């Protein structure tokens, strides 16, 4: 009985460490995702400021020549 209890305590200790390690990985990944999202938004803003849009608003669109 004592051996089983000791084995369970060891397992719980390893599981706690694994959970803590996984939490650190997920936290780091979320920080990276947040940073990349900010960088992407900055790039999109720079690109939209550099070149005019290639898409004409629908109200300015002329009908195709076959009409």
PDB file of N, CA and C in Angstrom:
ATOM      1  N   UNK A   1       0.821  -1.193   0.000  1.00  0.00           N
ATOM      2  CA  UNK A   1       0.000   0.000   0.000  1.00  0.00           C
ATOM      3  C   UNK A   1       0.866   1.258   0.000  1.00  0.00           C
ATOM      4  N   UNK A   2       1.935   1.248   0.800  1.00  0.00           N
ATOM      5  CA  UNK A   2       2.824   2.393   0.893  1.00  0.00           C
ATOM      6  C   UNK A   2       3.527   2.643  -0.449  1.00  0.00           C
ATOM      7  N   UNK A   3       3.877   1.557  -1.141  1.00  0.00           N
ATOM      8  CA  UNK A   3       4.533   1.696  -2.444  1.00  0.00           C
ATOM      9  C   UNK A   3       3.583   2.319  -3.455  1.00  0.00           C
ATOM     10  N   UNK A   4       2.337   1.909  -3.427  1.00  0.00           N
ATOM     11  CA  UNK A   4       1.351   2.471  -4.358  1.00  0.00           C
ATOM     12  C   UNK A   4       1.163   3.960  -4.102  1.00  0.00           C
ATOM     13  N   UNK A   5       1.112   4.349  -2.850  1.00  0.00           N
ATOM     14  CA  UNK A   5       0.959   5.754  -2.502  1.00  0.00           C
ATOM     15  C   UNK A   5       2.165   6.564  -2.971  1.00  0.00           C
ATOM     16  N   UNK A   6       3.353   6.020  -2.767  1.00  0.00           N
ATOM     17  CA  UNK A   6       4.575   6.695  -3.206  1.00  0.00           C
ATOM     18  C   UNK A   6       4.584   6.827  -4.727  1.00  0.00           C
ATOM     19  N   UNK A   7       4.188   5.787  -5.429  1.00  0.00           N
ATOM     20  CA  UNK A   7       4.147   5.832  -6.889  1.00  0.00           C
ATOM     21  C   UNK A   7       3.156   6.897  -7.366  1.00  0.00           C
ATOM     22  N   UNK A   8       2.012   6.974  -6.737  1.00  0.00           N
ATOM     23  CA  UNK A   8       1.027   7.996  -7.099  1.00  0.00           C
ATOM     24  C   UNK A   8       1.551   9.408  -6.833  1.00  0.00           C
ATOM     25  N   UNK A   9       2.243   9.585  -5.735  1.00  0.00           N
ATOM     26  CA  UNK A   9       2.822  10.898  -5.421  1.00  0.00           C
ATOM     27  C   UNK A   9       3.866  11.289  -6.464  1.00  0.00           C
ATOM     28  N   UNK A  10       4.670  10.326  -6.898  1.00  0.00           N
ATOM     29  CA  UNK A  10       5.683  10.596  -7.921  1.00  0.00           C
ATOM     30  C   UNK A  10       5.005  10.976  -9.232  1.00  0.00           C
ATOM     31  N   UNK A  11       3.968  10.241  -9.593  1.00  0.00           N
ATOM     32  CA  UNK A  11       3.240  10.545 -10.831  1.00  0.00           C
ATOM     33  C   UNK A  11       2.639  11.946 -10.791  1.00  0.00           C
ATOM     34  N   UNK A  12       2.036  12.296  -9.671  1.00  0.00           N
ATOM     35  CA  UNK A  12       1.436  13.619  -9.541  1.00  0.00           C
ATOM     36  C   UNK A  12       2.507  14.700  -9.651  1.00  0.00           C
ATOM     37  N   UNK A  13       3.650  14.467  -9.054  1.00  0.00           N
ATOM     38  CA  UNK A  13       4.734  15.446  -9.124  1.00  0.00           C
ATOM     39  C   UNK A  13       5.184  15.632 -10.575  1.00  0.00           C
ATOM     40  N   UNK A  14       5.345  14.547 -11.321  1.00  0.00           N
ATOM     41  CA  UNK A  14       5.726  14.648 -12.727  1.00  0.00           C
ATOM     42  C   UNK A  14       4.632  15.332 -13.549  1.00  0.00           C
ATOM     43  N   UNK A  15       3.386  15.021 -13.252  1.00  0.00           N
ATOM     44  CA  UNK A  15       2.286  15.656 -13.978  1.00  0.00           C
ATOM     45  C   UNK A  15       2.236  17.153 -13.698  1.00  0.00           C
ATOM     46  N   UNK A  16       2.460  17.530 -12.450  1.00  0.00           N
ATOM     47  CA  UNK A  16       2.477  18.962 -12.119  1.00  0.00           C
ATOM     48  C   UNK A  16       3.585  19.679 -12.888  1.00  0.00           C
ATOM     49  N   UNK A  17       4.751  19.076 -12.975  1.00  0.00           N
ATOM     50  CA  UNK A  17       5.858  19.681 -13.703  1.00  0.00           C
ATOM     51  C   UNK A  17       5.539  19.766 -15.192  1.00  0.00           C
ATOM     52  N   UNK A  18       4.937  18.723 -15.730  1.00  0.00           N
ATOM     53  CA  UNK A  18       4.565  18.729 -17.150  1.00  0.00           C
ATOM     54  C   UNK A  18       3.540  19.819 -17.439  1.00  0.00           C
ATOM     55  N   UNK A  19       2.567  19.953 -16.573  1.00  0.00           N
ATOM     56  CA  UNK A  19       1.554  20.992 -16.752  1.00  0.00           C
ATOM     57  C   UNK A  19       2.195  22.380 -16.695  1.00  0.00           C
ATOM     58  N   UNK A  20       3.107  22.586 -15.785  1.00  0.00           N
ATOM     59  CA  UNK A  20       3.793  23.872 -15.672  1.00  0.00           C
ATOM     60  C   UNK A  20       4.617  24.142 -16.929  1.00  0.00           C
ATOM     61  N   UNK A  21       5.323  23.144 -17.439  1.00  0.00           N
ATOM     62  CA  UNK A  21       6.112  23.297 -18.664  1.00  0.00           C
ATOM     63  C   UNK A  21       5.215  23.626 -19.853  1.00  0.00           C
ATOM     64  N   UNK A  22       4.105  22.924 -19.967  1.00  0.00           N
ATOM     65  CA  UNK A  22       3.171  23.176 -21.064  1.00  0.00           C
ATOM     66  C   UNK A  22       2.564  24.578 -20.968  1.00  0.00           C
ATOM     67  N   UNK A  23       2.269  25.004 -19.769  1.00  0.00           N
ATOM     68  CA  UNK A  23       1.728  26.347 -19.571  1.00  0.00           C
ATOM     69  C   UNK A  23       2.728  27.410 -20.027  1.00  0.00           C
ATOM     70  N   UNK A  24       3.993  27.221 -19.731  1.00  0.00           N
ATOM     71  CA  UNK A  24       5.024  28.160 -20.172  1.00  0.00           C
ATOM     72  C   UNK A  24       5.107  28.197 -21.698  1.00  0.00           C
ATOM     73  N   UNK A  25       5.013  27.043 -22.333  1.00  0.00           N
ATOM     74  CA  UNK A  25       5.072  26.985 -23.796  1.00  0.00           C
ATOM     75  C   UNK A  25       3.874  27.714 -24.397  1.00  0.00           C
ATOM     76  N   UNK A  26       2.687  27.465 -23.865  1.00  0.00           N
ATOM     77  CA  UNK A  26       1.480  28.105 -24.390  1.00  0.00           C
ATOM     78  C   UNK A  26       1.554  29.621 -24.175  1.00  0.00           C
ATOM     79  N   UNK A  27       2.032  30.043 -23.036  1.00  0.00           N
ATOM     80  CA  UNK A  27       2.166  31.474 -22.754  1.00  0.00           C
ATOM     81  C   UNK A  27       3.145  32.122 -23.722  1.00  0.00           C
ATOM     82  N   UNK A  28       4.280  31.488 -23.957  1.00  0.00           N
ATOM     83  CA  UNK A  28       5.264  32.016 -24.914  1.00  0.00           C
ATOM     84  C   UNK A  28       4.674  32.077 -26.323  1.00  0.00           C
ATOM     85  N   UNK A  29       3.937  31.060 -26.710  1.00  0.00           N
ATOM     86  CA  UNK A  29       3.330  31.049 -28.036  1.00  0.00           C
ATOM     87  C   UNK A  29       2.302  32.171 -28.179  1.00  0.00           C
ATOM     88  N   UNK A  30       1.530  32.418 -27.147  1.00  0.00           N
ATOM     89  CA  UNK A  30       0.543  33.490 -27.210  1.00  0.00           C
ATOM     90  C   UNK A  30       1.222  34.847 -27.341  1.00  0.00           C
ATOM     91  N   UNK A  31       2.333  35.041 -26.618  1.00  0.00           N
ATOM     92  CA  UNK A  31       3.085  36.289 -26.758  1.00  0.00           C
ATOM     93  C   UNK A  31       3.595  36.452 -28.182  1.00  0.00           C
ATOM     94  N   UNK A  32       4.090  35.370 -28.756  1.00  0.00           N
ATOM     95  CA  UNK A  32       4.593  35.413 -30.125  1.00  0.00           C
ATOM     96  C   UNK A  32       3.454  35.699 -31.111  1.00  0.00           C
ATOM     97  N   UNK A  33       2.312  35.079 -30.915  1.00  0.00           N
ATOM     98  CA  UNK A  33       1.158  35.333 -31.785  1.00  0.00           C
ATOM     99  C   UNK A  33       0.744  36.800 -31.687  1.00  0.00           C
ATOM    100  N   UNK A  34       0.702  37.341 -30.486  1.00  0.00           N
ATOM    101  CA  UNK A  34       0.337  38.746 -30.305  1.00  0.00           C
ATOM    102  C   UNK A  34       1.325  39.667 -31.018  1.00  0.00           C
ATOM    103  N   UNK A  35       2.626  39.369 -30.882  1.00  0.00           N
ATOM    104  CA  UNK A  35       3.648  40.187 -31.530  1.00  0.00           C
ATOM    105  C   UNK A  35       3.533  40.105 -33.042  1.00  0.00           C
ATOM    106  N   UNK A  36       3.343  38.905 -33.566  1.00  0.00           N
ATOM    107  CA  UNK A  36       3.217  38.730 -35.014  1.00  0.00           C
ATOM    108  C   UNK A  36       1.956  39.405 -35.552  1.00  0.00           C
ATOM    109  N   UNK A  37       0.888  39.381 -34.781  1.00  0.00           N
ATOM    110  CA  UNK A  37      -0.340  40.058 -35.192  1.00  0.00           C
ATOM    111  C   UNK A  37      -0.113  41.561 -35.283  1.00  0.00           C
ATOM    112  N   UNK A  38       0.586  42.123 -34.309  1.00  0.00           N
ATOM    113  CA  UNK A  38       0.896  43.555 -34.345  1.00  0.00           C
ATOM    114  C   UNK A  38       1.779  43.889 -35.547  1.00  0.00           C
ATOM    115  N   UNK A  39       2.786  43.050 -35.805  1.00  0.00           N
ATOM    116  CA  UNK A  39       3.667  43.284 -36.945  1.00  0.00           C
ATOM    117  C   UNK A  39       2.896  43.198 -38.257  1.00  0.00           C
ATOM    118  N   UNK A  40       1.999  42.244 -38.372  1.00  0.00           N
ATOM    119  CA  UNK A  40       1.200  42.101 -39.583  1.00  0.00           C
ATOM    120  C   UNK A  40       0.331  43.330 -39.805  1.00  0.00           C
ATOM    121  N   UNK A  41      -0.293  43.826 -38.747  1.00  0.00           N
ATOM    122  CA  UNK A  41      -1.124  45.022 -38.871  1.00  0.00           C
ATOM    123  C   UNK A  41      -0.282  46.225 -39.293  1.00  0.00           C
ATOM    124  N   UNK A  42       0.942  46.317 -38.768  1.00  0.00           N
ATOM    125  CA  UNK A  42       1.830  47.421 -39.151  1.00  0.00           C
ATOM    126  C   UNK A  42       2.211  47.315 -40.622  1.00  0.00           C
ATOM    127  N   UNK A  43       2.501  46.120 -41.095  1.00  0.00           N
ATOM    128  CA  UNK A  43       2.856  45.915 -42.506  1.00  0.00           C
ATOM    129  C   UNK A  43       1.663  46.242 -43.391  1.00  0.00           C
ATOM    130  N   UNK A  44       0.484  45.803 -43.002  1.00  0.00           N
ATOM    131  CA  UNK A  44      -0.717  46.101 -43.783  1.00  0.00           C
ATOM    132  C   UNK A  44      -0.945  47.602 -43.869  1.00  0.00           C
ATOM    133  N   UNK A  45      -0.739  48.307 -42.767  1.00  0.00           N
ATOM    134  CA  UNK A  45      -0.924  49.759 -42.760  1.00  0.00           C
ATOM    135  C   UNK A  45       0.090  50.430 -43.677  1.00  0.00           C
ATOM    136  N   UNK A  46       1.338  49.961 -43.630  1.00  0.00           N
ATOM    137  CA  UNK A  46       2.366  50.545 -44.505  1.00  0.00           C
ATOM    138  C   UNK A  46       2.048  50.280 -45.966  1.00  0.00           C
ATOM    139  N   UNK A  47       1.609  49.078 -46.281  1.00  0.00           N
ATOM    140  CA  UNK A  47       1.294  48.751 -47.670  1.00  0.00           C
ATOM    141  C   UNK A  47       0.112  49.560 -48.186  1.00  0.00           C
ATOM    142  N   UNK A  48      -0.888  49.731 -47.369  1.00  0.00           N
ATOM    143  CA  UNK A  48      -2.046  50.494 -47.829  1.00  0.00           C
ATOM    144  C   UNK A  48      -1.685  51.958 -48.023  1.00  0.00           C
ATOM    145  N   UNK A  49      -0.695  52.444 -47.313  1.00  0.00           N
ATOM    146  CA  UNK A  49      -0.269  53.822 -47.462  1.00  0.00           C
ATOM    147  C   UNK A  49       0.666  54.035 -48.638  1.00  0.00           C
ATOM    148  N   UNK A  50       1.326  52.987 -49.100  1.00  0.00           N
ATOM    149  CA  UNK A  50       2.296  53.115 -50.182  1.00  0.00           C
ATOM    150  C   UNK A  50       1.653  53.174 -51.559  1.00  0.00           C
ATOM    151  N   UNK A  51       0.678  52.360 -51.794  1.00  0.00           N
ATOM    152  CA  UNK A  51       0.094  52.271 -53.128  1.00  0.00           C
ATOM    153  C   UNK A  51      -1.416  52.472 -53.039  1.00  0.00           C
ATOM    154  N   UNK A  52      -1.955  53.177 -54.022  1.00  0.00           N
ATOM    155  CA  UNK A  52      -3.412  53.297 -54.035  1.00  0.00           C
ATOM    156  C   UNK A  52      -4.042  51.941 -54.312  1.00  0.00           C
ATOM    157  N   UNK A  53      -5.261  51.830 -53.931  1.00  0.00           N
ATOM    158  CA  UNK A  53      -5.963  50.566 -54.107  1.00  0.00           C
ATOM    159  C   UNK A  53      -6.152  50.276 -55.594  1.00  0.00           C
ATOM    160  N   UNK A  54      -5.988  49.023 -55.959  1.00  0.00           N
ATOM    161  CA  UNK A  54      -6.184  48.602 -57.345  1.00  0.00           C
ATOM    162  C   UNK A  54      -7.658  48.282 -57.604  1.00  0.00           C
ATOM    163  N   UNK A  55      -8.463  48.356 -56.591  1.00  0.00           N
ATOM    164  CA  UNK A  55      -9.876  48.031 -56.722  1.00  0.00           C
ATOM    165  C   UNK A  55     -10.675  49.335 -56.775  1.00  0.00           C
ATOM    166  N   UNK A  56     -11.488  49.468 -57.796  1.00  0.00           N
ATOM    167  CA  UNK A  56     -12.320  50.655 -57.955  1.00  0.00           C
ATOM    168  C   UNK A  56     -13.611  50.429 -57.171  1.00  0.00           C
ATOM    169  N   UNK A  57     -14.090  51.464 -56.487  1.00  0.00           N
ATOM    170  CA  UNK A  57     -15.371  51.303 -55.798  1.00  0.00           C
ATOM    171  C   UNK A  57     -16.466  50.905 -56.785  1.00  0.00           C
ATOM    172  N   UNK A  58     -17.395  50.110 -56.349  1.00  0.00           N
ATOM    173  CA  UNK A  58     -18.429  49.557 -57.224  1.00  0.00           C
ATOM    174  C   UNK A  58     -19.228  50.641 -57.939  1.00  0.00           C
ATOM    175  N   UNK A  59     -19.479  51.769 -57.262  1.00  0.00           N
ATOM    176  CA  UNK A  59     -20.265  52.822 -57.901  1.00  0.00           C
ATOM    177  C   UNK A  59     -19.507  53.500 -59.046  1.00  0.00           C
ATOM    178  N   UNK A  60     -18.180  53.385 -59.078  1.00  0.00           N
ATOM    179  CA  UNK A  60     -17.385  53.965 -60.163  1.00  0.00           C
ATOM    180  C   UNK A  60     -17.085  52.948 -61.265  1.00  0.00           C
ATOM    181  N   UNK A  61     -17.461  51.723 -61.055  1.00  0.00           N
ATOM    182  CA  UNK A  61     -17.198  50.648 -62.026  1.00  0.00           C
ATOM    183  C   UNK A  61     -18.033  50.851 -63.273  1.00  0.00           C
ATOM    184  N   UNK A  62     -17.378  50.839 -64.446  1.00  0.00           N
ATOM    185  CA  UNK A  62     -18.087  50.970 -65.713  1.00  0.00           C
ATOM    186  C   UNK A  62     -18.572  49.596 -66.154  1.00  0.00           C
ATOM    187  N   UNK A  63     -19.672  49.550 -66.878  1.00  0.00           N
ATOM    188  CA  UNK A  63     -20.140  48.239 -67.346  1.00  0.00           C
ATOM    189  C   UNK A  63     -19.168  47.696 -68.400  1.00  0.00           C
ATOM    190  N   UNK A  64     -19.094  46.387 -68.519  1.00  0.00           N
ATOM    191  CA  UNK A  64     -18.209  45.793 -69.509  1.00  0.00           C
ATOM    192  C   UNK A  64     -18.638  46.198 -70.926  1.00  0.00           C
ATOM    193  N   UNK A  65     -17.712  46.141 -71.893  1.00  0.00           N
ATOM    194  CA  UNK A  65     -18.020  46.618 -73.242  1.00  0.00           C
ATOM    195  C   UNK A  65     -19.143  45.847 -73.952  1.00  0.00           C
ATOM    196  N   UNK A  66     -19.430  44.656 -73.565  1.00  0.00           N
ATOM    197  CA  UNK A  66     -20.454  43.886 -74.262  1.00  0.00           C
ATOM    198  C   UNK A  66     -21.872  44.278 -73.846  1.00  0.00           C
ATOM    199  N   UNK A  67     -22.065  45.268 -72.957  1.00  0.00           N
ATOM    200  CA  UNK A  67     -23.412  45.703 -72.577  1.00  0.00           C
ATOM    201  C   UNK A  67     -23.913  46.764 -73.512  1.00  0.00           C
TER     202      UNK A  67
END
